Amino acid sequence: MAFLDIKPVNEGHALVISKAHYEGIFDIPSELLGDVHKVTKTIAAAVKQAVNADGVSIVQQNGKAANQEVFHIHVHIIPKFLGQKMNPFNKNDLQFVDHKQLDITAAKIKNHL
């Protein structure tokens, strides 16, 4: 399953999750992890095109020490632009995005699937 992050690093910041609950990479069966990453690849390509990004960062954190905040396996797809550095993101430093704007972004991404 994929959806947009409500507190994105950049427009198009998406999450891919498994429907079944697994806390992280150490718990999820390898076959299902492969499926999650296949979806991640598809969504990442669509996000990159939709927001005209120069690249994407794929982030998947495991455990509190790795800054995992939601203990259900999820992969961040973060569109990136030339000159933009990948800083560790803290959700407390990011702003909520209006659902109408998320719907507009989602429609742009769907056009590239």
PDB file of N, CA and C in Angstrom:
ATOM      1  N   MET A   1       0.846  -1.153   0.000  1.00  0.00           N
ATOM      2  CA  MET A   1       0.000   0.000   0.000  1.00  0.00           C
ATOM      3  C   MET A   1       0.902   1.229   0.000  1.00  0.00           C
ATOM      4  N   ALA A   2       0.505   2.277  -0.700  1.00  0.00           N
ATOM      5  CA  ALA A   2       1.288   3.510  -0.761  1.00  0.00           C
ATOM      6  C   ALA A   2       0.380   4.713  -0.543  1.00  0.00           C
ATOM      7  N   PHE A   3       0.928   5.719   0.121  1.00  0.00           N
ATOM      8  CA  PHE A   3       0.182   6.957   0.343  1.00  0.00           C
ATOM      9  C   PHE A   3       1.179   8.074   0.598  1.00  0.00           C
ATOM     10  N   LEU A   4       0.696   9.311   0.518  1.00  0.00           N
ATOM     11  CA  LEU A   4       1.563  10.466   0.734  1.00  0.00           C
ATOM     12  C   LEU A   4       1.733  10.749   2.219  1.00  0.00           C
ATOM     13  N   ASP A   5       2.925  11.213   2.562  1.00  0.00           N
ATOM     14  CA  ASP A   5       3.225  11.600   3.935  1.00  0.00           C
ATOM     15  C   ASP A   5       2.530  12.930   4.226  1.00  0.00           C
ATOM     16  N   ILE A   6       1.838  13.029   5.351  1.00  0.00           N
ATOM     17  CA  ILE A   6       1.120  14.256   5.713  1.00  0.00           C
ATOM     18  C   ILE A   6       2.067  15.365   6.172  1.00  0.00           C
ATOM     19  N   LYS A   7       3.300  14.994   6.548  1.00  0.00           N
ATOM     20  CA  LYS A   7       4.333  15.968   6.921  1.00  0.00           C
ATOM     21  C   LYS A   7       5.559  15.704   6.035  1.00  0.00           C
ATOM     22  N   PRO A   8       5.439  16.057   4.747  1.00  0.00           N
ATOM     23  CA  PRO A   8       6.488  15.681   3.796  1.00  0.00           C
ATOM     24  C   PRO A   8       7.767  16.506   3.907  1.00  0.00           C
ATOM     25  N   VAL A   9       8.872  15.875   3.545  1.00  0.00           N
ATOM     26  CA  VAL A   9      10.135  16.589   3.387  1.00  0.00           C
ATOM     27  C   VAL A   9      10.030  17.476   2.153  1.00  0.00           C
ATOM     28  N   ASN A  10       9.499  16.926   1.069  1.00  0.00           N
ATOM     29  CA  ASN A  10       9.241  17.633  -0.188  1.00  0.00           C
ATOM     30  C   ASN A  10       7.915  17.152  -0.747  1.00  0.00           C
ATOM     31  N   GLU A  11       7.346  17.925  -1.663  1.00  0.00           N
ATOM     32  CA  GLU A  11       6.120  17.496  -2.325  1.00  0.00           C
ATOM     33  C   GLU A  11       6.360  16.130  -2.973  1.00  0.00           C
ATOM     34  N   GLY A  12       5.423  15.215  -2.774  1.00  0.00           N
ATOM     35  CA  GLY A  12       5.534  13.880  -3.344  1.00  0.00           C
ATOM     36  C   GLY A  12       6.112  12.853  -2.395  1.00  0.00           C
ATOM     37  N   HIS A  13       6.541  13.267  -1.207  1.00  0.00           N
ATOM     38  CA  HIS A  13       7.090  12.348  -0.199  1.00  0.00           C
ATOM     39  C   HIS A  13       6.019  11.301   0.105  1.00  0.00           C
ATOM     40  N   ALA A  14       6.317  10.068  -0.237  1.00  0.00           N
ATOM     41  CA  ALA A  14       5.352   8.975  -0.113  1.00  0.00           C
ATOM     42  C   ALA A  14       5.874   7.890   0.816  1.00  0.00           C
ATOM     43  N   LEU A  15       4.950   7.064   1.276  1.00  0.00           N
ATOM     44  CA  LEU A  15       5.280   5.920   2.116  1.00  0.00           C
ATOM     45  C   LEU A  15       4.721   4.669   1.468  1.00  0.00           C
ATOM     46  N   VAL A  16       5.490   3.604   1.522  1.00  0.00           N
ATOM     47  CA  VAL A  16       5.023   2.291   1.079  1.00  0.00           C
ATOM     48  C   VAL A  16       5.067   1.387   2.303  1.00  0.00           C
ATOM     49  N   ILE A  17       3.958   0.701   2.565  1.00  0.00           N
ATOM     50  CA  ILE A  17       3.866  -0.175   3.735  1.00  0.00           C
ATOM     51  C   ILE A  17       3.329  -1.533   3.326  1.00  0.00           C
ATOM     52  N   SER A  18       3.540  -2.504   4.175  1.00  0.00           N
ATOM     53  CA  SER A  18       2.871  -3.795   3.993  1.00  0.00           C
ATOM     54  C   SER A  18       1.507  -3.689   4.673  1.00  0.00           C
ATOM     55  N   LYS A  19       0.519  -4.365   4.125  1.00  0.00           N
ATOM     56  CA  LYS A  19      -0.799  -4.370   4.761  1.00  0.00           C
ATOM     57  C   LYS A  19      -0.744  -5.143   6.076  1.00  0.00           C
ATOM     58  N   ALA A  20      -0.027  -6.250   6.078  1.00  0.00           N
ATOM     59  CA  ALA A  20       0.131  -7.038   7.306  1.00  0.00           C
ATOM     60  C   ALA A  20       1.118  -6.325   8.226  1.00  0.00           C
ATOM     61  N   HIS A  21       0.902  -6.435   9.523  1.00  0.00           N
ATOM     62  CA  HIS A  21       1.761  -5.742  10.473  1.00  0.00           C
ATOM     63  C   HIS A  21       3.072  -6.498  10.727  1.00  0.00           C
ATOM     64  N   TYR A  22       4.155  -5.779  10.504  1.00  0.00           N
ATOM     65  CA  TYR A  22       5.495  -6.209  10.886  1.00  0.00           C
ATOM     66  C   TYR A  22       6.195  -4.952  11.388  1.00  0.00           C
ATOM     67  N   GLU A  23       6.898  -5.076  12.489  1.00  0.00           N
ATOM     68  CA  GLU A  23       7.525  -3.899  13.084  1.00  0.00           C
ATOM     69  C   GLU A  23       8.630  -3.321  12.210  1.00  0.00           C
ATOM     70  N   GLY A  24       9.431  -4.173  11.618  1.00  0.00           N
ATOM     71  CA  GLY A  24      10.551  -3.671  10.824  1.00  0.00           C
ATOM     72  C   GLY A  24      11.128  -4.749   9.940  1.00  0.00           C
ATOM     73  N   ILE A  25      12.293  -4.462   9.401  1.00  0.00           N
ATOM     74  CA  ILE A  25      12.930  -5.333   8.419  1.00  0.00           C
ATOM     75  C   ILE A  25      13.288  -6.699   8.997  1.00  0.00           C
ATOM     76  N   PHE A  26      13.478  -6.773  10.303  1.00  0.00           N
ATOM     77  CA  PHE A  26      13.874  -8.034  10.914  1.00  0.00           C
ATOM     78  C   PHE A  26      12.694  -8.968  11.132  1.00  0.00           C
ATOM     79  N   ASP A  27      11.480  -8.445  11.040  1.00  0.00           N
ATOM     80  CA  ASP A  27      10.276  -9.227  11.297  1.00  0.00           C
ATOM     81  C   ASP A  27       9.546  -9.678  10.030  1.00  0.00           C
ATOM     82  N   ILE A  28       9.670  -8.910   8.973  1.00  0.00           N
ATOM     83  CA  ILE A  28       8.903  -9.165   7.758  1.00  0.00           C
ATOM     84  C   ILE A  28       9.537 -10.311   6.973  1.00  0.00           C
ATOM     85  N   PRO A  29       8.722 -11.235   6.469  1.00  0.00           N
ATOM     86  CA  PRO A  29       9.284 -12.298   5.624  1.00  0.00           C
ATOM     87  C   PRO A  29       9.960 -11.709   4.377  1.00  0.00           C
ATOM     88  N   SER A  30      11.045 -12.326   3.960  1.00  0.00           N
ATOM     89  CA  SER A  30      11.829 -11.814   2.826  1.00  0.00           C
ATOM     90  C   SER A  30      10.997 -11.654   1.565  1.00  0.00           C
ATOM     91  N   GLU A  31      10.106 -12.614   1.292  1.00  0.00           N
ATOM     92  CA  GLU A  31       9.285 -12.528   0.081  1.00  0.00           C
ATOM     93  C   GLU A  31       8.398 -11.282   0.117  1.00  0.00           C
ATOM     94  N   LEU A  32       7.802 -11.006   1.271  1.00  0.00           N
ATOM     95  CA  LEU A  32       6.938  -9.823   1.401  1.00  0.00           C
ATOM     96  C   LEU A  32       7.767  -8.542   1.336  1.00  0.00           C
ATOM     97  N   LEU A  33       8.964  -8.549   1.922  1.00  0.00           N
ATOM     98  CA  LEU A  33       9.844  -7.393   1.825  1.00  0.00           C
ATOM     99  C   LEU A  33      10.174  -7.106   0.361  1.00  0.00           C
ATOM    100  N   GLY A  34      10.398  -8.165  -0.409  1.00  0.00           N
ATOM    101  CA  GLY A  34      10.648  -7.991  -1.842  1.00  0.00           C
ATOM    102  C   GLY A  34       9.468  -7.342  -2.534  1.00  0.00           C
ATOM    103  N   ASP A  35       8.253  -7.737  -2.164  1.00  0.00           N
ATOM    104  CA  ASP A  35       7.043  -7.132  -2.740  1.00  0.00           C
ATOM    105  C   ASP A  35       6.946  -5.652  -2.375  1.00  0.00           C
ATOM    106  N   VAL A  36       7.271  -5.329  -1.121  1.00  0.00           N
ATOM    107  CA  VAL A  36       7.240  -3.927  -0.682  1.00  0.00           C
ATOM    108  C   VAL A  36       8.212  -3.108  -1.529  1.00  0.00           C
ATOM    109  N   HIS A  37       9.387  -3.647  -1.782  1.00  0.00           N
ATOM    110  CA  HIS A  37      10.379  -2.898  -2.560  1.00  0.00           C
ATOM    111  C   HIS A  37      10.041  -2.837  -4.043  1.00  0.00           C
ATOM    112  N   LYS A  38       9.336  -3.825  -4.570  1.00  0.00           N
ATOM    113  CA  LYS A  38       8.856  -3.735  -5.958  1.00  0.00           C
ATOM    114  C   LYS A  38       7.876  -2.581  -6.090  1.00  0.00           C
ATOM    115  N   VAL A  39       6.963  -2.464  -5.131  1.00  0.00           N
ATOM    116  CA  VAL A  39       6.006  -1.342  -5.138  1.00  0.00           C
ATOM    117  C   VAL A  39       6.760  -0.026  -4.947  1.00  0.00           C
ATOM    118  N   THR A  40       7.753  -0.021  -4.068  1.00  0.00           N
ATOM    119  CA  THR A  40       8.557   1.178  -3.836  1.00  0.00           C
ATOM    120  C   THR A  40       9.192   1.665  -5.137  1.00  0.00           C
ATOM    121  N   LYS A  41       9.730   0.755  -5.920  1.00  0.00           N
ATOM    122  CA  LYS A  41      10.358   1.131  -7.193  1.00  0.00           C
ATOM    123  C   LYS A  41       9.349   1.768  -8.136  1.00  0.00           C
ATOM    124  N   THR A  42       8.171   1.187  -8.239  1.00  0.00           N
ATOM    125  CA  THR A  42       7.131   1.704  -9.124  1.00  0.00           C
ATOM    126  C   THR A  42       6.677   3.094  -8.685  1.00  0.00           C
ATOM    127  N   ILE A  43       6.403   3.235  -7.396  1.00  0.00           N
ATOM    128  CA  ILE A  43       5.935   4.517  -6.877  1.00  0.00           C
ATOM    129  C   ILE A  43       7.037   5.568  -6.984  1.00  0.00           C
ATOM    130  N   ALA A  44       8.280   5.197  -6.696  1.00  0.00           N
ATOM    131  CA  ALA A  44       9.394   6.149  -6.779  1.00  0.00           C
ATOM    132  C   ALA A  44       9.529   6.732  -8.183  1.00  0.00           C
ATOM    133  N   ALA A  45       9.391   5.902  -9.196  1.00  0.00           N
ATOM    134  CA  ALA A  45       9.485   6.390 -10.580  1.00  0.00           C
ATOM    135  C   ALA A  45       8.362   7.380 -10.886  1.00  0.00           C
ATOM    136  N   ALA A  46       7.155   7.068 -10.428  1.00  0.00           N
ATOM    137  CA  ALA A  46       6.009   7.954 -10.665  1.00  0.00           C
ATOM    138  C   ALA A  46       6.159   9.267  -9.902  1.00  0.00           C
ATOM    139  N   VAL A  47       6.627   9.202  -8.663  1.00  0.00           N
ATOM    140  CA  VAL A  47       6.840  10.411  -7.859  1.00  0.00           C
ATOM    141  C   VAL A  47       7.885  11.300  -8.524  1.00  0.00           C
ATOM    142  N   LYS A  48       8.992  10.702  -8.943  1.00  0.00           N
ATOM    143  CA  LYS A  48      10.076  11.469  -9.572  1.00  0.00           C
ATOM    144  C   LYS A  48       9.565  12.251 -10.775  1.00  0.00           C
ATOM    145  N   GLN A  49       8.778  11.596 -11.611  1.00  0.00           N
ATOM    146  CA  GLN A  49       8.222  12.256 -12.789  1.00  0.00           C
ATOM    147  C   GLN A  49       7.175  13.299 -12.407  1.00  0.00           C
ATOM    148  N   ALA A  50       6.325  12.969 -11.453  1.00  0.00           N
ATOM    149  CA  ALA A  50       5.212  13.849 -11.096  1.00  0.00           C
ATOM    150  C   ALA A  50       5.662  15.195 -10.550  1.00  0.00           C
ATOM    151  N   VAL A  51       6.745  15.187  -9.771  1.00  0.00           N
ATOM    152  CA  VAL A  51       7.203  16.445  -9.165  1.00  0.00           C
ATOM    153  C   VAL A  51       8.480  16.970  -9.823  1.00  0.00           C
ATOM    154  N   ASN A  52       8.869  16.326 -10.929  1.00  0.00           N
ATOM    155  CA  ASN A  52      10.040  16.743 -11.696  1.00  0.00           C
ATOM    156  C   ASN A  52      11.301  16.780 -10.824  1.00  0.00           C
ATOM    157  N   ALA A  53      11.458  15.766  -9.986  1.00  0.00           N
ATOM    158  CA  ALA A  53      12.619  15.675  -9.102  1.00  0.00           C
ATOM    159  C   ALA A  53      13.850  15.211  -9.867  1.00  0.00           C
ATOM    160  N   ASP A  54      15.002  15.571  -9.361  1.00  0.00           N
ATOM    161  CA  ASP A  54      16.256  15.116  -9.963  1.00  0.00           C
ATOM    162  C   ASP A  54      16.633  13.715  -9.501  1.00  0.00           C
ATOM    163  N   GLY A  55      16.070  13.294  -8.382  1.00  0.00           N
ATOM    164  CA  GLY A  55      16.342  11.974  -7.839  1.00  0.00           C
ATOM    165  C   GLY A  55      15.385  11.685  -6.696  1.00  0.00           C
ATOM    166  N   VAL A  56      15.562  10.545  -6.055  1.00  0.00           N
ATOM    167  CA  VAL A  56      14.759  10.207  -4.877  1.00  0.00           C
ATOM    168  C   VAL A  56      15.665   9.553  -3.839  1.00  0.00           C
ATOM    169  N   SER A  57      15.343   9.799  -2.586  1.00  0.00           N
ATOM    170  CA  SER A  57      15.978   9.069  -1.492  1.00  0.00           C
ATOM    171  C   SER A  57      14.985   8.035  -1.010  1.00  0.00           C
ATOM    172  N   ILE A  58      15.472   6.825  -0.796  1.00  0.00           N
ATOM    173  CA  ILE A  58      14.659   5.733  -0.266  1.00  0.00           C
ATOM    174  C   ILE A  58      15.169   5.493   1.158  1.00  0.00           C
ATOM    175  N   VAL A  59      14.277   5.654   2.145  1.00  0.00           N
ATOM    176  CA  VAL A  59      14.680   5.562   3.547  1.00  0.00           C
ATOM    177  C   VAL A  59      13.777   4.562   4.259  1.00  0.00           C
ATOM    178  N   GLN A  60      14.402   3.655   4.987  1.00  0.00           N
ATOM    179  CA  GLN A  60      13.641   2.677   5.778  1.00  0.00           C
ATOM    180  C   GLN A  60      14.398   2.500   7.092  1.00  0.00           C
ATOM    181  N   GLN A  61      13.789   2.940   8.204  1.00  0.00           N
ATOM    182  CA  GLN A  61      14.454   2.935   9.503  1.00  0.00           C
ATOM    183  C   GLN A  61      13.936   1.790  10.365  1.00  0.00           C
ATOM    184  N   ASN A  62      14.819   1.221  11.164  1.00  0.00           N
ATOM    185  CA  ASN A  62      14.476   0.059  11.998  1.00  0.00           C
ATOM    186  C   ASN A  62      14.955   0.271  13.425  1.00  0.00           C
ATOM    187  N   GLY A  63      14.010   0.431  14.323  1.00  0.00           N
ATOM    188  CA  GLY A  63      14.321   0.581  15.735  1.00  0.00           C
ATOM    189  C   GLY A  63      14.432   2.025  16.175  1.00  0.00           C
ATOM    190  N   LYS A  64      14.227   2.237  17.450  1.00  0.00           N
ATOM    191  CA  LYS A  64      14.257   3.575  18.030  1.00  0.00           C
ATOM    192  C   LYS A  64      15.595   4.264  17.780  1.00  0.00           C
ATOM    193  N   ALA A  65      16.699   3.523  17.896  1.00  0.00           N
ATOM    194  CA  ALA A  65      18.027   4.108  17.691  1.00  0.00           C
ATOM    195  C   ALA A  65      18.220   4.612  16.268  1.00  0.00           C
ATOM    196  N   ALA A  66      17.446   4.066  15.324  1.00  0.00           N
ATOM    197  CA  ALA A  66      17.525   4.482  13.918  1.00  0.00           C
ATOM    198  C   ALA A  66      16.461   5.528  13.592  1.00  0.00           C
ATOM    199  N   ASN A  67      15.845   6.089  14.624  1.00  0.00           N
ATOM    200  CA  ASN A  67      14.808   7.118  14.482  1.00  0.00           C
ATOM    201  C   ASN A  67      13.498   6.605  13.914  1.00  0.00           C
ATOM    202  N   GLN A  68      13.239   5.313  14.041  1.00  0.00           N
ATOM    203  CA  GLN A  68      11.928   4.791  13.647  1.00  0.00           C
ATOM    204  C   GLN A  68      10.913   5.319  14.651  1.00  0.00           C
ATOM    205  N   GLU A  69       9.876   5.996  14.149  1.00  0.00           N
ATOM    206  CA  GLU A  69       8.850   6.580  15.012  1.00  0.00           C
ATOM    207  C   GLU A  69       7.550   5.797  14.962  1.00  0.00           C
ATOM    208  N   VAL A  70       7.268   5.195  13.822  1.00  0.00           N
ATOM    209  CA  VAL A  70       6.062   4.380  13.646  1.00  0.00           C
ATOM    210  C   VAL A  70       6.540   2.940  13.524  1.00  0.00           C
ATOM    211  N   PHE A  71       6.111   2.106  14.439  1.00  0.00           N
ATOM    212  CA  PHE A  71       6.638   0.743  14.498  1.00  0.00           C
ATOM    213  C   PHE A  71       5.787  -0.223  13.685  1.00  0.00           C
ATOM    214  N   HIS A  72       5.684   0.112  12.395  1.00  0.00           N
ATOM    215  CA  HIS A  72       5.104  -0.724  11.336  1.00  0.00           C
ATOM    216  C   HIS A  72       6.013  -0.476  10.148  1.00  0.00           C
ATOM    217  N   ILE A  73       6.501  -1.533   9.533  1.00  0.00           N
ATOM    218  CA  ILE A  73       7.475  -1.354   8.456  1.00  0.00           C
ATOM    219  C   ILE A  73       6.923  -0.407   7.391  1.00  0.00           C
ATOM    220  N   HIS A  74       7.759   0.549   7.019  1.00  0.00           N
ATOM    221  CA  HIS A  74       7.393   1.498   5.972  1.00  0.00           C
ATOM    222  C   HIS A  74       8.663   2.026   5.305  1.00  0.00           C
ATOM    223  N   VAL A  75       8.527   2.341   4.042  1.00  0.00           N
ATOM    224  CA  VAL A  75       9.630   2.856   3.243  1.00  0.00           C
ATOM    225  C   VAL A  75       9.256   4.260   2.791  1.00  0.00           C
ATOM    226  N   HIS A  76      10.135   5.224   3.086  1.00  0.00           N
ATOM    227  CA  HIS A  76       9.930   6.603   2.639  1.00  0.00           C
ATOM    228  C   HIS A  76      10.500   6.761   1.232  1.00  0.00           C
ATOM    229  N   ILE A  77       9.742   7.392   0.368  1.00  0.00           N
ATOM    230  CA  ILE A  77      10.210   7.810  -0.955  1.00  0.00           C
ATOM    231  C   ILE A  77      10.224   9.331  -0.904  1.00  0.00           C
ATOM    232  N   ILE A  78      11.418   9.911  -0.918  1.00  0.00           N
ATOM    233  CA  ILE A  78      11.551  11.354  -0.758  1.00  0.00           C
ATOM    234  C   ILE A  78      12.154  11.949  -2.030  1.00  0.00           C
ATOM    235  N   PRO A  79      11.362  12.708  -2.798  1.00  0.00           N
ATOM    236  CA  PRO A  79      11.912  13.358  -3.993  1.00  0.00           C
ATOM    237  C   PRO A  79      13.003  14.349  -3.587  1.00  0.00           C
ATOM    238  N   LYS A  80      14.058  14.378  -4.368  1.00  0.00           N
ATOM    239  CA  LYS A  80      15.189  15.260  -4.064  1.00  0.00           C
ATOM    240  C   LYS A  80      15.550  16.070  -5.308  1.00  0.00           C
ATOM    241  N   PHE A  81      16.169  17.221  -5.067  1.00  0.00           N
ATOM    242  CA  PHE A  81      16.517  18.147  -6.129  1.00  0.00           C
ATOM    243  C   PHE A  81      17.998  18.488  -6.023  1.00  0.00           C
ATOM    244  N   LEU A  82      18.635  18.751  -7.161  1.00  0.00           N
ATOM    245  CA  LEU A  82      20.072  19.044  -7.180  1.00  0.00           C
ATOM    246  C   LEU A  82      20.403  20.118  -6.157  1.00  0.00           C
ATOM    247  N   GLY A  83      21.456  19.883  -5.387  1.00  0.00           N
ATOM    248  CA  GLY A  83      21.897  20.823  -4.379  1.00  0.00           C
ATOM    249  C   GLY A  83      21.234  20.633  -3.026  1.00  0.00           C
ATOM    250  N   GLN A  84      20.198  19.802  -2.966  1.00  0.00           N
ATOM    251  CA  GLN A  84      19.499  19.571  -1.702  1.00  0.00           C
ATOM    252  C   GLN A  84      20.196  18.440  -0.958  1.00  0.00           C
ATOM    253  N   LYS A  85      20.556  18.689   0.289  1.00  0.00           N
ATOM    254  CA  LYS A  85      21.226  17.672   1.091  1.00  0.00           C
ATOM    255  C   LYS A  85      20.197  16.807   1.792  1.00  0.00           C
ATOM    256  N   MET A  86      20.571  15.552   2.049  1.00  0.00           N
ATOM    257  CA  MET A  86      19.702  14.636   2.787  1.00  0.00           C
ATOM    258  C   MET A  86      20.063  14.734   4.249  1.00  0.00           C
ATOM    259  N   ASN A  87      19.333  15.543   4.968  1.00  0.00           N
ATOM    260  CA  ASN A  87      19.528  15.658   6.407  1.00  0.00           C
ATOM    261  C   ASN A  87      18.600  14.679   7.100  1.00  0.00           C
ATOM    262  N   PRO A  88      18.986  14.195   8.257  1.00  0.00           N
ATOM    263  CA  PRO A  88      18.049  13.352   9.018  1.00  0.00           C
ATOM    264  C   PRO A  88      16.784  14.159   9.270  1.00  0.00           C
ATOM    265  N   PHE A  89      15.654  13.596   8.927  1.00  0.00           N
ATOM    266  CA  PHE A  89      14.430  14.376   9.095  1.00  0.00           C
ATOM    267  C   PHE A  89      13.742  14.017  10.393  1.00  0.00           C
ATOM    268  N   ASN A  90      13.306  15.059  11.056  1.00  0.00           N
ATOM    269  CA  ASN A  90      12.567  14.921  12.301  1.00  0.00           C
ATOM    270  C   ASN A  90      11.166  15.425  12.033  1.00  0.00           C
ATOM    271  N   LYS A  91      10.173  14.556  12.207  1.00  0.00           N
ATOM    272  CA  LYS A  91       8.799  14.933  11.904  1.00  0.00           C
ATOM    273  C   LYS A  91       8.354  16.163  12.676  1.00  0.00           C
ATOM    274  N   ASN A  92       8.983  16.441  13.814  1.00  0.00           N
ATOM    275  CA  ASN A  92       8.618  17.628  14.583  1.00  0.00           C
ATOM    276  C   ASN A  92       9.041  18.913  13.884  1.00  0.00           C
ATOM    277  N   ASP A  93      10.004  18.817  12.965  1.00  0.00           N
ATOM    278  CA  ASP A  93      10.493  19.988  12.238  1.00  0.00           C
ATOM    279  C   ASP A  93       9.723  20.242  10.945  1.00  0.00           C
ATOM    280  N   LEU A  94       8.836  19.333  10.564  1.00  0.00           N
ATOM    281  CA  LEU A  94       8.119  19.445   9.294  1.00  0.00           C
ATOM    282  C   LEU A  94       6.691  19.926   9.517  1.00  0.00           C
ATOM    283  N   GLN A  95       6.124  20.517   8.471  1.00  0.00           N
ATOM    284  CA  GLN A  95       4.781  21.086   8.550  1.00  0.00           C
ATOM    285  C   GLN A  95       3.745  20.142   7.939  1.00  0.00           C
ATOM    286  N   PHE A  96       2.550  20.126   8.532  1.00  0.00           N
ATOM    287  CA  PHE A  96       1.438  19.391   7.950  1.00  0.00           C
ATOM    288  C   PHE A  96       1.055  20.030   6.623  1.00  0.00           C
ATOM    289  N   VAL A  97       0.640  19.191   5.656  1.00  0.00           N
ATOM    290  CA  VAL A  97       0.168  19.677   4.364  1.00  0.00           C
ATOM    291  C   VAL A  97      -1.340  19.450   4.300  1.00  0.00           C
ATOM    292  N   ASP A  98      -2.043  20.422   3.753  1.00  0.00           N
ATOM    293  CA  ASP A  98      -3.491  20.356   3.602  1.00  0.00           C
ATOM    294  C   ASP A  98      -3.884  19.155   2.733  1.00  0.00           C
ATOM    295  N   HIS A  99      -4.965  18.497   3.109  1.00  0.00           N
ATOM    296  CA  HIS A  99      -5.415  17.315   2.362  1.00  0.00           C
ATOM    297  C   HIS A  99      -5.739  17.640   0.903  1.00  0.00           C
ATOM    298  N   LYS A 100      -6.206  18.833   0.619  1.00  0.00           N
ATOM    299  CA  LYS A 100      -6.497  19.211  -0.774  1.00  0.00           C
ATOM    300  C   LYS A 100      -5.210  19.221  -1.598  1.00  0.00           C
ATOM    301  N   GLN A 101      -4.124  19.737  -1.003  1.00  0.00           N
ATOM    302  CA  GLN A 101      -2.845  19.737  -1.709  1.00  0.00           C
ATOM    303  C   GLN A 101      -2.333  18.317  -1.901  1.00  0.00           C
ATOM    304  N   LEU A 102      -2.512  17.470  -0.887  1.00  0.00           N
ATOM    305  CA  LEU A 102      -2.108  16.065  -1.029  1.00  0.00           C
ATOM    306  C   LEU A 102      -2.880  15.386  -2.152  1.00  0.00           C
ATOM    307  N   ASP A 103      -4.174  15.690  -2.272  1.00  0.00           N
ATOM    308  CA  ASP A 103      -4.990  15.119  -3.352  1.00  0.00           C
ATOM    309  C   ASP A 103      -4.477  15.549  -4.720  1.00  0.00           C
ATOM    310  N   ILE A 104      -4.060  16.814  -4.834  1.00  0.00           N
ATOM    311  CA  ILE A 104      -3.519  17.320  -6.106  1.00  0.00           C
ATOM    312  C   ILE A 104      -2.227  16.582  -6.447  1.00  0.00           C
ATOM    313  N   THR A 105      -1.355  16.437  -5.462  1.00  0.00           N
ATOM    314  CA  THR A 105      -0.086  15.729  -5.674  1.00  0.00           C
ATOM    315  C   THR A 105      -0.342  14.269  -6.018  1.00  0.00           C
ATOM    316  N   ALA A 106      -1.270  13.633  -5.305  1.00  0.00           N
ATOM    317  CA  ALA A 106      -1.594  12.228  -5.571  1.00  0.00           C
ATOM    318  C   ALA A 106      -2.086  12.049  -7.004  1.00  0.00           C
ATOM    319  N   ALA A 107      -2.891  12.972  -7.486  1.00  0.00           N
ATOM    320  CA  ALA A 107      -3.399  12.885  -8.864  1.00  0.00           C
ATOM    321  C   ALA A 107      -2.248  12.984  -9.862  1.00  0.00           C
ATOM    322  N   LYS A 108      -1.270  13.868  -9.591  1.00  0.00           N
ATOM    323  CA  LYS A 108      -0.112  13.985 -10.479  1.00  0.00           C
ATOM    324  C   LYS A 108       0.674  12.675 -10.508  1.00  0.00           C
ATOM    325  N   ILE A 109       0.831  12.061  -9.342  1.00  0.00           N
ATOM    326  CA  ILE A 109       1.581  10.794  -9.266  1.00  0.00           C
ATOM    327  C   ILE A 109       0.827   9.698  -9.999  1.00  0.00           C
ATOM    328  N   LYS A 110      -0.477   9.609  -9.804  1.00  0.00           N
ATOM    329  CA  LYS A 110      -1.293   8.570 -10.463  1.00  0.00           C
ATOM    330  C   LYS A 110      -1.188   8.676 -11.984  1.00  0.00           C
ATOM    331  N   ASN A 111      -1.028   9.880 -12.507  1.00  0.00           N
ATOM    332  CA  ASN A 111      -0.886  10.063 -13.960  1.00  0.00           C
ATOM    333  C   ASN A 111       0.381   9.407 -14.499  1.00  0.00           C
ATOM    334  N   HIS A 112       1.331   9.101 -13.623  1.00  0.00           N
ATOM    335  CA  HIS A 112       2.596   8.509 -14.068  1.00  0.00           C
ATOM    336  C   HIS A 112       2.715   7.028 -13.700  1.00  0.00           C
ATOM    337  N   LEU A 113       1.650   6.456 -13.197  1.00  0.00           N
ATOM    338  CA  LEU A 113       1.679   5.008 -12.877  1.00  0.00           C
ATOM    339  C   LEU A 113       1.294   4.190 -14.088  1.00  0.00           C
TER     340      LEU A 113
END
